[in-house]
Structure formats: structure tokens, C-alpha cells
Protein backbone atom coordinates (compact mmCIF):
# COMPACT_ATOMS: atom_id res chain seq x y z
CA MET A 1 -43.96 -27.44 -32.72
CA THR A 2 -43.73 -25.97 -36.25
CA VAL A 3 -43.30 -22.32 -37.14
CA THR A 4 -43.36 -21.03 -40.70
CA VAL A 5 -43.04 -17.35 -41.53
CA ASN A 6 -43.35 -15.86 -45.04
CA THR A 7 -42.16 -12.30 -45.18
CA PRO A 8 -40.72 -9.39 -47.16
CA LYS A 9 -37.08 -9.26 -48.32
CA ARG A 10 -35.61 -7.09 -45.54
CA ARG A 11 -34.61 -8.90 -42.37
CA ASP A 12 -34.41 -7.71 -38.80
CA LYS A 13 -31.07 -8.10 -36.95
CA LEU A 14 -32.55 -10.54 -34.46
CA VAL A 15 -33.97 -12.65 -37.26
CA ILE A 16 -30.59 -12.73 -39.03
CA MET A 17 -28.92 -13.73 -35.76
CA THR A 18 -31.46 -16.55 -35.35
CA GLU A 19 -30.91 -17.69 -38.92
CA ILE A 20 -27.11 -17.78 -38.44
CA ILE A 21 -27.51 -19.88 -35.28
CA ALA A 22 -29.83 -22.26 -37.13
CA ILE A 23 -27.39 -22.59 -40.03
CA ALA A 24 -24.49 -23.26 -37.65
CA LYS A 25 -26.45 -25.73 -35.53
CA LYS A 26 -24.24 -28.72 -36.35
CA GLY A 27 -21.07 -26.67 -36.80
CA THR A 28 -20.17 -25.04 -40.08
CA SER A 29 -17.71 -22.74 -41.82
CA LYS A 30 -17.91 -18.98 -42.21
CA THR A 31 -18.33 -19.37 -45.99
CA HIS A 32 -21.27 -21.76 -45.60
CA ILE A 33 -23.01 -19.37 -43.20
CA MET A 34 -22.37 -16.42 -45.53
CA PHE A 35 -23.98 -18.12 -48.53
CA LYS A 36 -26.89 -19.75 -46.65
CA ALA A 37 -27.76 -16.50 -44.84
CA SER A 38 -27.24 -14.36 -47.97
CA LEU A 39 -24.89 -11.96 -46.22
CA SER A 40 -21.90 -10.02 -47.50
CA PHE A 41 -18.50 -10.80 -46.00
CA SER A 42 -18.52 -7.60 -43.91
CA GLN A 43 -22.09 -8.20 -42.69
CA LEU A 44 -21.20 -11.76 -41.77
CA ASN A 45 -18.14 -10.67 -39.77
CA GLU A 46 -20.25 -8.11 -37.90
CA TYR A 47 -22.85 -10.73 -36.95
CA LEU A 48 -20.31 -13.41 -36.05
CA THR A 49 -18.51 -10.95 -33.77
CA LEU A 50 -21.79 -9.97 -32.11
CA LEU A 51 -22.91 -13.59 -31.68
CA ARG A 52 -19.56 -14.61 -30.21
CA GLU A 53 -19.37 -11.59 -27.85
CA THR A 54 -22.87 -12.34 -26.54
CA GLY A 55 -22.04 -16.01 -25.99
CA LEU A 56 -24.50 -17.32 -28.58
CA LEU A 57 -21.89 -18.81 -30.91
CA VAL A 58 -18.40 -20.26 -30.47
CA LYS A 59 -15.56 -20.60 -32.95
CA THR A 60 -13.36 -23.69 -32.87
CA THR A 61 -10.63 -24.94 -35.18
CA ASN A 62 -10.83 -28.41 -36.72
CA ASP A 63 -8.01 -29.52 -39.04
CA GLY A 64 -7.06 -25.88 -39.61
CA LYS A 65 -10.63 -24.82 -40.50
CA GLU A 66 -12.69 -22.41 -38.40
CA ILE A 67 -16.00 -23.97 -37.37
CA TYR A 68 -18.88 -22.00 -35.83
CA THR A 69 -21.31 -23.75 -33.48
CA PRO A 70 -24.10 -22.37 -31.28
CA THR A 71 -23.78 -22.54 -27.51
CA GLU A 72 -26.57 -23.72 -25.21
CA LYS A 73 -27.43 -20.04 -24.78
CA GLY A 74 -27.53 -19.71 -28.59
CA ILE A 75 -29.94 -22.64 -28.92
CA TRP A 76 -32.11 -21.12 -26.17
CA PHE A 77 -32.10 -17.76 -28.00
CA MET A 78 -33.11 -19.47 -31.25
CA GLU A 79 -35.97 -21.33 -29.55
CA LYS A 80 -37.30 -18.13 -27.93
CA GLN A 81 -37.15 -16.26 -31.24
CA CYS A 82 -39.12 -19.06 -32.90
CA GLN A 83 -41.72 -18.91 -30.14
CA LEU A 84 -42.08 -15.15 -30.65
CA ILE A 85 -42.48 -15.61 -34.40
CA LYS A 86 -45.16 -18.23 -33.79
CA LEU A 87 -46.96 -15.92 -31.36
CA VAL A 88 -46.91 -13.03 -33.82
CA ASN A 89 -48.07 -15.23 -36.68
CA GLU A 90 -51.00 -16.56 -34.64
CA ASN A 91 -52.11 -13.01 -33.86
CA VAL A 92 -51.50 -11.85 -37.42
CA SER A 93 -53.58 -14.66 -38.91
CA LYS A 94 -56.45 -13.92 -36.51
CA ASN A 95 -56.50 -10.27 -37.62
CA HIS A 96 -55.86 -11.07 -41.31
CA VAL A 97 -52.84 -8.77 -41.35
CA LYS A 98 -49.74 -9.54 -43.40
CA THR A 99 -46.74 -10.42 -41.21
CA MET A 100 -43.68 -8.18 -41.11
CA LEU A 101 -41.19 -10.76 -39.85
CA PRO A 102 -38.52 -11.13 -42.55
CA LEU A 103 -37.70 -14.82 -42.42
CA THR A 104 -39.04 -18.15 -43.55
CA TYR A 105 -38.04 -21.23 -41.64
CA VAL A 106 -39.55 -24.24 -40.00
CA PHE A 107 -38.88 -24.99 -36.34
CA GLN A 108 -39.63 -28.53 -35.27
CA ARG A 109 -39.12 -30.15 -31.90
CA SER A 110 -39.04 -33.89 -32.22
CA GLU A 111 -38.73 -34.58 -28.52
CA PRO A 112 -40.83 -32.34 -26.24
CA PHE A 113 -38.30 -32.30 -23.40
CA THR A 114 -34.93 -32.14 -25.16
CA ASN A 115 -32.71 -29.09 -25.45
CA GLN A 116 -31.85 -29.79 -29.07
CA PRO A 117 -34.45 -28.41 -31.51
CA SER A 118 -34.41 -29.36 -35.16
CA ILE A 119 -34.34 -26.39 -37.54
CA LYS A 120 -35.04 -26.48 -41.24
CA LEU A 121 -34.46 -23.31 -43.24
CA VAL A 122 -36.70 -22.60 -46.20
CA ASN A 123 -35.84 -20.01 -48.84
CA SER A 124 -38.16 -17.03 -48.39
CA LEU A 125 -37.55 -15.40 -51.77
């Protein structure tokens, strides 16, 4: 399954949450997430707190460095968001209306029955 969304510059909170989970998929630092998601330090802290409190992301320490990784619930959330984006895009293209979803990324599932999707982020600007 592949989902690509081209959209305006402003992003919805749920889309930003999905993007953070995708960036952290293999475990990454706060700085890497901040730059890849184009968030300020305060915005990033707000989202990381929300994602951790909702059980979508976990923070671990590896050699003194904080690493953020999505939980199974986080991967599930990301998959559902991608499905919704695909659904909206299918309906938008049928009606020839420009999409309002503020994110561009590709969602690919290599194995149809695995729980580990493969996400590739594409710069939307």
C-alpha cells in the first residue's frame, strides 16, 4: 500500500504526531526528530510529552543518549492515520478538489500481514 499526500504548509496536530512516529520508527534522538519534523524545541517537547503520555512513543537511554521509539500502539496509530489519508485522497481525486492534509509521505507495506510498516518521509515544501 502506498499513500502520498501533497499539501499546504500548515500541519494538523495528528499529522505531526504521525510524522514524529514515522521519524522515530527505528529509534532516534530528540534533535533528529526536531530537525526532520521541522519543529521548534518547545513544540517538539509538547508533542513528545503528548506521545509518551498516550503510549504512542517511549523514551529509553542508550549510552547516555535519550532515544525515542514508537510502541506497538504508536505503529498502529501511524498505520490508521495513513489509511485515513489514503481514503481522503481517493475521495478528493474523484471530486477534483485540492487536499487539505498538510503532510507528504509515502507509506509502504512490504509484507501484507506484518505489524511493521515501512515509512518513507518526503519533503512537502
